[in-house]
């Protein structure tokens, strides 16, 4: 969260230089930040609870995280992906959250309602599932730590 907020400073400095400038759709940016926080917190709840019992999950997550980042259109637009691979790309839950960031910053518009709805549903469900897994497994932490 701190890294993201610090990264927004150079973004807001570079936008006028690159010609995009500030637009009112950027006032929507706290919403995708909240979606990203909820999704990340849910994943963190799950991984931290499972890592108590299976220590190797930490190493496996680090290996999975790098390809997951490259399969999320963060530094490249989805338009450069061949059309036959786009449906697979949209199976990535982070696609919808990242798209909620990209629309206000690059296109100067609010994200499409279906993109925002799916992103919100994924963030909330991941947070709820992670919380439930953490609560369910937390009684046994003391036996494994």
N, C-alpha and C. Protein backbone atom coordinates (compact mmCIF):
# COMPACT_ATOMS: atom_id res chain seq x y z
N UNK A 1 0.83 -1.19 0.00
CA UNK A 1 0.00 0.00 0.00
C UNK A 1 0.87 1.25 0.00
N UNK A 2 1.92 1.22 0.83
CA UNK A 2 2.82 2.37 0.89
C UNK A 2 3.54 2.55 -0.44
N UNK A 3 4.00 1.44 -1.03
CA UNK A 3 4.67 1.52 -2.33
C UNK A 3 3.74 2.07 -3.40
N UNK A 4 2.50 1.64 -3.38
CA UNK A 4 1.53 2.12 -4.36
C UNK A 4 1.31 3.62 -4.20
N UNK A 5 1.13 4.07 -2.99
CA UNK A 5 0.90 5.50 -2.77
C UNK A 5 2.12 6.33 -3.16
N UNK A 6 3.31 5.80 -2.89
CA UNK A 6 4.53 6.52 -3.30
C UNK A 6 4.69 6.51 -4.82
N UNK A 7 4.24 5.45 -5.48
CA UNK A 7 4.33 5.38 -6.94
C UNK A 7 3.35 6.34 -7.62
N UNK A 8 2.30 6.71 -6.92
CA UNK A 8 1.35 7.65 -7.51
C UNK A 8 1.92 9.06 -7.62
N UNK A 9 2.90 9.39 -6.78
CA UNK A 9 3.50 10.73 -6.83
C UNK A 9 4.18 10.98 -8.18
N UNK A 10 5.12 10.10 -8.62
CA UNK A 10 5.70 10.34 -9.94
C UNK A 10 4.67 10.23 -11.08
N UNK A 11 3.66 9.41 -10.90
CA UNK A 11 2.62 9.30 -11.91
C UNK A 11 1.94 10.64 -12.12
N UNK A 12 1.56 11.29 -11.03
CA UNK A 12 0.87 12.58 -11.14
C UNK A 12 1.81 13.68 -11.64
N UNK A 13 3.10 13.49 -11.44
CA UNK A 13 4.07 14.45 -11.99
C UNK A 13 4.25 14.24 -13.49
N UNK A 14 4.29 12.97 -13.93
CA UNK A 14 4.53 12.66 -15.34
C UNK A 14 3.29 12.86 -16.23
N UNK A 15 2.11 12.71 -15.69
CA UNK A 15 0.92 12.83 -16.53
C UNK A 15 0.82 14.16 -17.28
N UNK A 16 1.03 15.31 -16.64
CA UNK A 16 0.97 16.56 -17.42
C UNK A 16 2.11 16.67 -18.43
N UNK A 17 3.27 16.12 -18.09
CA UNK A 17 4.42 16.18 -19.00
C UNK A 17 4.15 15.36 -20.26
N UNK A 18 3.52 14.20 -20.10
CA UNK A 18 3.24 13.32 -21.23
C UNK A 18 2.00 13.73 -22.01
N UNK A 19 1.29 14.73 -21.53
CA UNK A 19 0.17 15.25 -22.29
C UNK A 19 -1.20 14.76 -21.85
N UNK A 20 -1.26 13.79 -20.96
CA UNK A 20 -2.57 13.30 -20.52
C UNK A 20 -3.22 14.25 -19.53
N UNK A 21 -2.45 14.74 -18.61
CA UNK A 21 -2.97 15.66 -17.61
C UNK A 21 -3.89 14.98 -16.62
N UNK A 22 -4.40 15.76 -15.72
CA UNK A 22 -5.30 15.26 -14.69
C UNK A 22 -6.73 15.38 -15.21
N UNK A 23 -7.53 14.34 -14.98
CA UNK A 23 -8.95 14.40 -15.33
C UNK A 23 -9.77 13.93 -14.13
N UNK A 24 -11.04 14.22 -14.17
CA UNK A 24 -11.89 13.94 -13.02
C UNK A 24 -12.09 12.45 -12.77
N UNK A 25 -11.85 11.62 -13.76
CA UNK A 25 -11.98 10.18 -13.54
C UNK A 25 -10.90 9.66 -12.59
N UNK A 26 -9.84 10.41 -12.42
CA UNK A 26 -8.78 9.99 -11.49
C UNK A 26 -9.23 10.10 -10.03
N UNK A 27 -10.30 10.82 -9.80
CA UNK A 27 -10.85 10.85 -8.44
C UNK A 27 -11.43 9.49 -8.05
N UNK A 28 -11.59 8.62 -9.03
CA UNK A 28 -12.06 7.25 -8.80
C UNK A 28 -10.95 6.33 -8.29
N UNK A 29 -9.69 6.75 -8.38
CA UNK A 29 -8.56 5.88 -8.02
C UNK A 29 -8.59 5.31 -6.61
N UNK A 30 -9.12 5.98 -5.60
CA UNK A 30 -9.20 5.31 -4.29
C UNK A 30 -10.03 4.03 -4.30
N UNK A 31 -10.98 3.93 -5.20
CA UNK A 31 -11.81 2.72 -5.26
C UNK A 31 -10.99 1.51 -5.73
N UNK A 32 -10.24 1.59 -6.85
CA UNK A 32 -9.41 0.43 -7.20
C UNK A 32 -8.31 0.15 -6.16
N UNK A 33 -7.85 1.19 -5.49
CA UNK A 33 -6.88 0.95 -4.42
C UNK A 33 -7.52 0.10 -3.34
N UNK A 34 -8.75 0.42 -2.98
CA UNK A 34 -9.48 -0.36 -1.98
C UNK A 34 -9.71 -1.79 -2.47
N UNK A 35 -10.04 -1.96 -3.75
CA UNK A 35 -10.21 -3.30 -4.31
C UNK A 35 -8.91 -4.10 -4.20
N UNK A 36 -7.81 -3.46 -4.55
CA UNK A 36 -6.51 -4.15 -4.48
C UNK A 36 -6.16 -4.52 -3.04
N UNK A 37 -6.46 -3.65 -2.10
CA UNK A 37 -6.18 -3.93 -0.69
C UNK A 37 -7.04 -5.10 -0.21
N UNK A 38 -8.32 -5.11 -0.57
CA UNK A 38 -9.20 -6.21 -0.14
C UNK A 38 -8.74 -7.55 -0.73
N UNK A 39 -8.41 -7.55 -2.02
CA UNK A 39 -7.95 -8.78 -2.67
C UNK A 39 -6.65 -9.27 -2.03
N UNK A 40 -5.71 -8.35 -1.84
CA UNK A 40 -4.42 -8.72 -1.27
C UNK A 40 -4.57 -9.21 0.16
N UNK A 41 -5.42 -8.58 0.93
CA UNK A 41 -5.64 -8.99 2.30
C UNK A 41 -6.25 -10.39 2.36
N UNK A 42 -7.19 -10.67 1.46
CA UNK A 42 -7.78 -12.01 1.40
C UNK A 42 -6.76 -13.08 1.06
N UNK A 43 -5.93 -12.80 0.06
CA UNK A 43 -4.87 -13.75 -0.32
C UNK A 43 -3.89 -13.91 0.85
N UNK A 44 -3.58 -12.82 1.52
CA UNK A 44 -2.65 -12.87 2.65
C UNK A 44 -3.20 -13.69 3.80
N UNK A 45 -4.49 -13.52 4.09
CA UNK A 45 -5.12 -14.34 5.13
C UNK A 45 -4.98 -15.83 4.80
N UNK A 46 -5.30 -16.19 3.56
CA UNK A 46 -5.23 -17.60 3.17
C UNK A 46 -3.81 -18.13 3.25
N UNK A 47 -2.87 -17.40 2.64
CA UNK A 47 -1.49 -17.89 2.59
C UNK A 47 -0.87 -17.96 3.98
N UNK A 48 -1.14 -16.98 4.82
CA UNK A 48 -0.54 -17.01 6.15
C UNK A 48 -1.09 -18.16 6.98
N UNK A 49 -2.37 -18.46 6.83
CA UNK A 49 -2.95 -19.58 7.57
C UNK A 49 -2.42 -20.91 7.07
N UNK A 50 -2.34 -21.07 5.77
CA UNK A 50 -1.87 -22.34 5.20
C UNK A 50 -0.37 -22.52 5.43
N UNK A 51 0.39 -21.41 5.43
CA UNK A 51 1.85 -21.49 5.62
C UNK A 51 2.22 -21.99 7.00
N UNK A 52 1.34 -21.85 7.98
CA UNK A 52 1.63 -22.39 9.31
C UNK A 52 1.75 -23.90 9.24
N UNK A 53 0.92 -24.54 8.44
CA UNK A 53 0.90 -25.99 8.34
C UNK A 53 1.82 -26.53 7.26
N UNK A 54 1.97 -25.78 6.19
CA UNK A 54 2.81 -26.18 5.06
C UNK A 54 3.80 -25.06 4.78
N UNK A 55 4.98 -25.16 5.35
CA UNK A 55 5.97 -24.08 5.25
C UNK A 55 6.43 -23.85 3.81
N UNK A 56 6.36 -24.87 2.97
CA UNK A 56 6.81 -24.74 1.58
C UNK A 56 5.90 -23.85 0.74
N UNK A 57 4.74 -23.54 1.25
CA UNK A 57 3.81 -22.69 0.49
C UNK A 57 4.41 -21.32 0.24
N UNK A 58 5.26 -20.86 1.13
CA UNK A 58 5.89 -19.54 0.97
C UNK A 58 6.79 -19.53 -0.26
N UNK A 59 7.61 -20.57 -0.40
CA UNK A 59 8.49 -20.67 -1.58
C UNK A 59 7.69 -20.86 -2.85
N UNK A 60 6.64 -21.65 -2.79
CA UNK A 60 5.82 -21.89 -3.98
C UNK A 60 5.12 -20.61 -4.41
N UNK A 61 4.67 -19.81 -3.46
CA UNK A 61 3.99 -18.56 -3.79
C UNK A 61 4.95 -17.59 -4.49
N UNK A 62 6.19 -17.56 -4.03
CA UNK A 62 7.16 -16.67 -4.68
C UNK A 62 7.42 -17.09 -6.11
N UNK A 63 7.39 -18.39 -6.38
CA UNK A 63 7.59 -18.88 -7.74
C UNK A 63 6.37 -18.55 -8.60
N UNK A 64 5.17 -18.65 -8.05
CA UNK A 64 3.94 -18.40 -8.79
C UNK A 64 3.73 -16.90 -9.03
N UNK A 65 4.22 -16.08 -8.13
CA UNK A 65 3.97 -14.65 -8.20
C UNK A 65 4.56 -13.99 -9.45
N UNK A 66 5.73 -14.40 -9.87
CA UNK A 66 6.37 -13.79 -11.04
C UNK A 66 5.59 -14.05 -12.33
N UNK A 67 5.26 -15.31 -12.66
CA UNK A 67 4.45 -15.50 -13.88
C UNK A 67 3.07 -14.86 -13.78
N UNK A 68 2.50 -14.83 -12.57
CA UNK A 68 1.20 -14.20 -12.38
C UNK A 68 1.27 -12.72 -12.74
N UNK A 69 2.38 -12.07 -12.36
CA UNK A 69 2.54 -10.66 -12.69
C UNK A 69 2.62 -10.47 -14.21
N UNK A 70 3.37 -11.34 -14.89
CA UNK A 70 3.51 -11.19 -16.35
C UNK A 70 2.22 -11.55 -17.09
N UNK A 71 1.37 -12.37 -16.48
CA UNK A 71 0.09 -12.72 -17.10
C UNK A 71 -1.00 -11.71 -16.77
N UNK A 72 -0.67 -10.69 -16.01
CA UNK A 72 -1.60 -9.60 -15.72
C UNK A 72 -1.17 -8.40 -16.55
N UNK A 73 -2.08 -7.81 -17.33
CA UNK A 73 -1.69 -6.68 -18.18
C UNK A 73 -1.42 -5.41 -17.35
N UNK A 74 -0.26 -5.37 -16.75
CA UNK A 74 0.14 -4.22 -15.93
C UNK A 74 0.95 -3.25 -16.78
N UNK A 75 2.00 -3.76 -17.40
CA UNK A 75 2.90 -2.90 -18.17
C UNK A 75 2.63 -2.97 -19.67
N UNK A 76 1.63 -3.74 -20.07
CA UNK A 76 1.28 -3.82 -21.48
C UNK A 76 -0.24 -3.75 -21.62
N UNK A 77 -0.73 -3.15 -22.69
CA UNK A 77 -2.18 -3.10 -22.89
C UNK A 77 -2.71 -4.44 -23.39
N UNK A 78 -3.93 -4.74 -23.07
CA UNK A 78 -4.53 -6.00 -23.48
C UNK A 78 -4.70 -6.07 -25.00
N UNK A 79 -4.67 -4.92 -25.66
CA UNK A 79 -4.85 -4.88 -27.11
C UNK A 79 -3.71 -5.56 -27.86
N UNK A 80 -2.52 -5.68 -27.26
CA UNK A 80 -1.41 -6.33 -27.95
C UNK A 80 -1.43 -7.84 -27.81
N UNK A 81 -2.31 -8.35 -26.96
CA UNK A 81 -2.43 -9.79 -26.78
C UNK A 81 -3.26 -10.35 -27.92
N UNK A 82 -2.82 -11.44 -28.56
CA UNK A 82 -3.64 -12.04 -29.63
C UNK A 82 -5.04 -12.39 -29.12
N UNK A 83 -6.03 -12.17 -29.97
CA UNK A 83 -7.44 -12.32 -29.58
C UNK A 83 -7.74 -13.70 -29.01
N UNK A 84 -7.05 -14.73 -29.49
CA UNK A 84 -7.36 -16.09 -29.00
C UNK A 84 -6.91 -16.31 -27.56
N UNK A 85 -6.01 -15.45 -27.05
CA UNK A 85 -5.53 -15.60 -25.68
C UNK A 85 -6.24 -14.67 -24.68
N UNK A 86 -7.00 -13.72 -25.17
CA UNK A 86 -7.67 -12.75 -24.29
C UNK A 86 -8.63 -13.44 -23.30
N UNK A 87 -9.44 -14.44 -23.72
CA UNK A 87 -10.31 -15.09 -22.73
C UNK A 87 -9.51 -15.74 -21.58
N UNK A 88 -8.34 -16.27 -21.88
CA UNK A 88 -7.52 -16.86 -20.82
C UNK A 88 -6.96 -15.78 -19.90
N UNK A 89 -6.63 -14.65 -20.49
CA UNK A 89 -6.11 -13.54 -19.71
C UNK A 89 -7.17 -13.01 -18.75
N UNK A 90 -8.41 -13.05 -19.18
CA UNK A 90 -9.50 -12.55 -18.34
C UNK A 90 -9.88 -13.53 -17.23
N UNK A 91 -9.31 -14.72 -17.21
CA UNK A 91 -9.49 -15.64 -16.09
C UNK A 91 -8.67 -15.21 -14.87
N UNK A 92 -7.71 -14.36 -15.12
CA UNK A 92 -6.85 -13.84 -14.05
C UNK A 92 -7.65 -12.84 -13.22
N UNK A 93 -7.80 -13.07 -11.92
CA UNK A 93 -8.60 -12.14 -11.11
C UNK A 93 -7.98 -10.74 -11.03
N UNK A 94 -6.69 -10.63 -11.15
CA UNK A 94 -6.05 -9.33 -11.08
C UNK A 94 -6.31 -8.48 -12.33
N UNK A 95 -6.71 -9.11 -13.43
CA UNK A 95 -7.00 -8.36 -14.65
C UNK A 95 -8.04 -7.27 -14.37
N UNK A 96 -9.10 -7.63 -13.66
CA UNK A 96 -10.21 -6.71 -13.43
C UNK A 96 -9.81 -5.58 -12.50
N UNK A 97 -9.01 -5.88 -11.50
CA UNK A 97 -8.57 -4.84 -10.57
C UNK A 97 -7.60 -3.89 -11.26
N UNK A 98 -6.69 -4.43 -12.05
CA UNK A 98 -5.75 -3.59 -12.78
C UNK A 98 -6.48 -2.74 -13.82
N UNK A 99 -7.49 -3.29 -14.45
CA UNK A 99 -8.26 -2.53 -15.44
C UNK A 99 -9.00 -1.36 -14.79
N UNK A 100 -9.39 -1.53 -13.53
CA UNK A 100 -10.03 -0.42 -12.81
C UNK A 100 -9.03 0.72 -12.57
N UNK A 101 -7.73 0.41 -12.51
CA UNK A 101 -6.69 1.43 -12.43
C UNK A 101 -6.42 2.05 -13.80
N UNK A 102 -6.33 1.21 -14.82
CA UNK A 102 -5.92 1.65 -16.15
C UNK A 102 -6.91 2.61 -16.79
N UNK A 103 -8.19 2.35 -16.64
CA UNK A 103 -9.20 3.19 -17.30
C UNK A 103 -9.11 4.66 -16.89
N UNK A 104 -9.10 4.99 -15.60
CA UNK A 104 -9.00 6.42 -15.25
C UNK A 104 -7.66 7.04 -15.62
N UNK A 105 -6.58 6.28 -15.51
CA UNK A 105 -5.25 6.86 -15.74
C UNK A 105 -4.97 7.03 -17.23
N UNK A 106 -5.17 5.99 -18.02
CA UNK A 106 -4.78 6.03 -19.43
C UNK A 106 -5.89 6.50 -20.36
N UNK A 107 -7.13 6.05 -20.10
CA UNK A 107 -8.23 6.41 -21.00
C UNK A 107 -8.98 7.64 -20.53
N UNK A 108 -8.82 8.01 -19.27
CA UNK A 108 -9.53 9.16 -18.74
C UNK A 108 -11.02 8.91 -18.55
N UNK A 109 -11.37 7.63 -18.40
CA UNK A 109 -12.78 7.25 -18.20
C UNK A 109 -12.89 6.35 -16.98
N UNK A 110 -14.11 6.19 -16.53
CA UNK A 110 -14.36 5.23 -15.46
C UNK A 110 -14.33 3.83 -16.06
N UNK A 111 -13.98 2.83 -15.27
CA UNK A 111 -13.98 1.47 -15.83
C UNK A 111 -15.39 1.04 -16.22
N UNK A 112 -15.46 0.12 -17.13
CA UNK A 112 -16.76 -0.41 -17.56
C UNK A 112 -17.47 -1.02 -16.35
N UNK A 113 -18.79 -0.89 -16.27
CA UNK A 113 -19.51 -1.42 -15.11
C UNK A 113 -19.29 -2.91 -14.87
N UNK A 114 -19.21 -3.70 -15.96
CA UNK A 114 -18.98 -5.14 -15.76
C UNK A 114 -17.58 -5.42 -15.24
N UNK A 115 -16.60 -4.65 -15.68
CA UNK A 115 -15.22 -4.82 -15.18
C UNK A 115 -15.16 -4.46 -13.70
N UNK A 116 -15.78 -3.34 -13.34
CA UNK A 116 -15.80 -2.94 -11.94
C UNK A 116 -16.58 -3.93 -11.09
N UNK A 117 -17.71 -4.40 -11.59
CA UNK A 117 -18.52 -5.36 -10.84
C UNK A 117 -17.79 -6.66 -10.58
N UNK A 118 -17.13 -7.17 -11.62
CA UNK A 118 -16.38 -8.42 -11.45
C UNK A 118 -15.20 -8.19 -10.50
N UNK A 119 -14.51 -7.05 -10.65
CA UNK A 119 -13.40 -6.74 -9.74
C UNK A 119 -13.86 -6.63 -8.30
N UNK A 120 -14.99 -5.98 -8.08
CA UNK A 120 -15.52 -5.85 -6.73
C UNK A 120 -15.93 -7.21 -6.17
N UNK A 121 -16.59 -8.02 -6.98
CA UNK A 121 -17.01 -9.35 -6.53
C UNK A 121 -15.81 -10.22 -6.20
N UNK A 122 -14.77 -10.17 -7.03
CA UNK A 122 -13.57 -10.96 -6.76
C UNK A 122 -12.85 -10.49 -5.50
N UNK A 123 -12.75 -9.18 -5.32
CA UNK A 123 -12.07 -8.65 -4.13
C UNK A 123 -12.83 -9.02 -2.87
N UNK A 124 -14.14 -8.84 -2.87
CA UNK A 124 -14.94 -9.17 -1.69
C UNK A 124 -14.93 -10.66 -1.39
N UNK A 125 -15.08 -11.49 -2.42
CA UNK A 125 -15.10 -12.93 -2.19
C UNK A 125 -13.75 -13.44 -1.74
N UNK A 126 -12.66 -12.89 -2.27
CA UNK A 126 -11.33 -13.30 -1.83
C UNK A 126 -11.09 -12.89 -0.38
N UNK A 127 -11.52 -11.69 -0.03
CA UNK A 127 -11.38 -11.23 1.36
C UNK A 127 -12.20 -12.11 2.30
N UNK A 128 -13.43 -12.41 1.94
CA UNK A 128 -14.28 -13.24 2.79
C UNK A 128 -13.73 -14.66 2.90
N UNK A 129 -13.34 -15.24 1.78
CA UNK A 129 -12.79 -16.60 1.80
C UNK A 129 -11.50 -16.65 2.62
N UNK A 130 -10.63 -15.68 2.42
CA UNK A 130 -9.38 -15.65 3.19
C UNK A 130 -9.63 -15.51 4.67
N UNK A 131 -10.57 -14.65 5.03
CA UNK A 131 -10.91 -14.47 6.45
C UNK A 131 -11.47 -15.76 7.04
N UNK A 132 -12.37 -16.43 6.31
CA UNK A 132 -12.96 -17.68 6.81
C UNK A 132 -11.91 -18.77 6.96
N UNK A 133 -11.00 -18.88 6.00
CA UNK A 133 -9.93 -19.88 6.10
C UNK A 133 -9.04 -19.57 7.31
N UNK A 134 -8.70 -18.31 7.49
CA UNK A 134 -7.85 -17.93 8.61
C UNK A 134 -8.52 -18.25 9.95
N UNK A 135 -9.79 -17.89 10.08
CA UNK A 135 -10.52 -18.16 11.33
C UNK A 135 -10.65 -19.66 11.57
N UNK A 136 -10.94 -20.40 10.52
CA UNK A 136 -11.12 -21.86 10.64
C UNK A 136 -9.83 -22.54 11.10
N UNK A 137 -8.70 -22.10 10.58
CA UNK A 137 -7.43 -22.76 10.89
C UNK A 137 -6.72 -22.16 12.11
N UNK A 138 -7.14 -21.00 12.56
CA UNK A 138 -6.39 -20.30 13.61
C UNK A 138 -6.37 -21.03 14.94
N UNK A 139 -7.34 -21.87 15.23
CA UNK A 139 -7.34 -22.60 16.50
C UNK A 139 -6.19 -23.59 16.59
N UNK A 140 -5.67 -24.04 15.46
CA UNK A 140 -4.59 -25.03 15.45
C UNK A 140 -3.20 -24.42 15.27
N UNK A 141 -3.10 -23.10 15.15
CA UNK A 141 -1.80 -22.47 14.95
C UNK A 141 -0.84 -22.81 16.06
N UNK A 142 -1.31 -22.80 17.27
CA UNK A 142 -0.44 -22.98 18.44
C UNK A 142 0.26 -24.33 18.42
N UNK A 143 -0.33 -25.32 17.79
CA UNK A 143 0.26 -26.66 17.73
C UNK A 143 1.38 -26.77 16.69
N UNK A 144 1.47 -25.83 15.77
CA UNK A 144 2.43 -25.91 14.68
C UNK A 144 3.50 -24.82 14.69
N UNK A 145 3.32 -23.82 15.52
CA UNK A 145 4.27 -22.70 15.52
C UNK A 145 5.41 -22.98 16.45
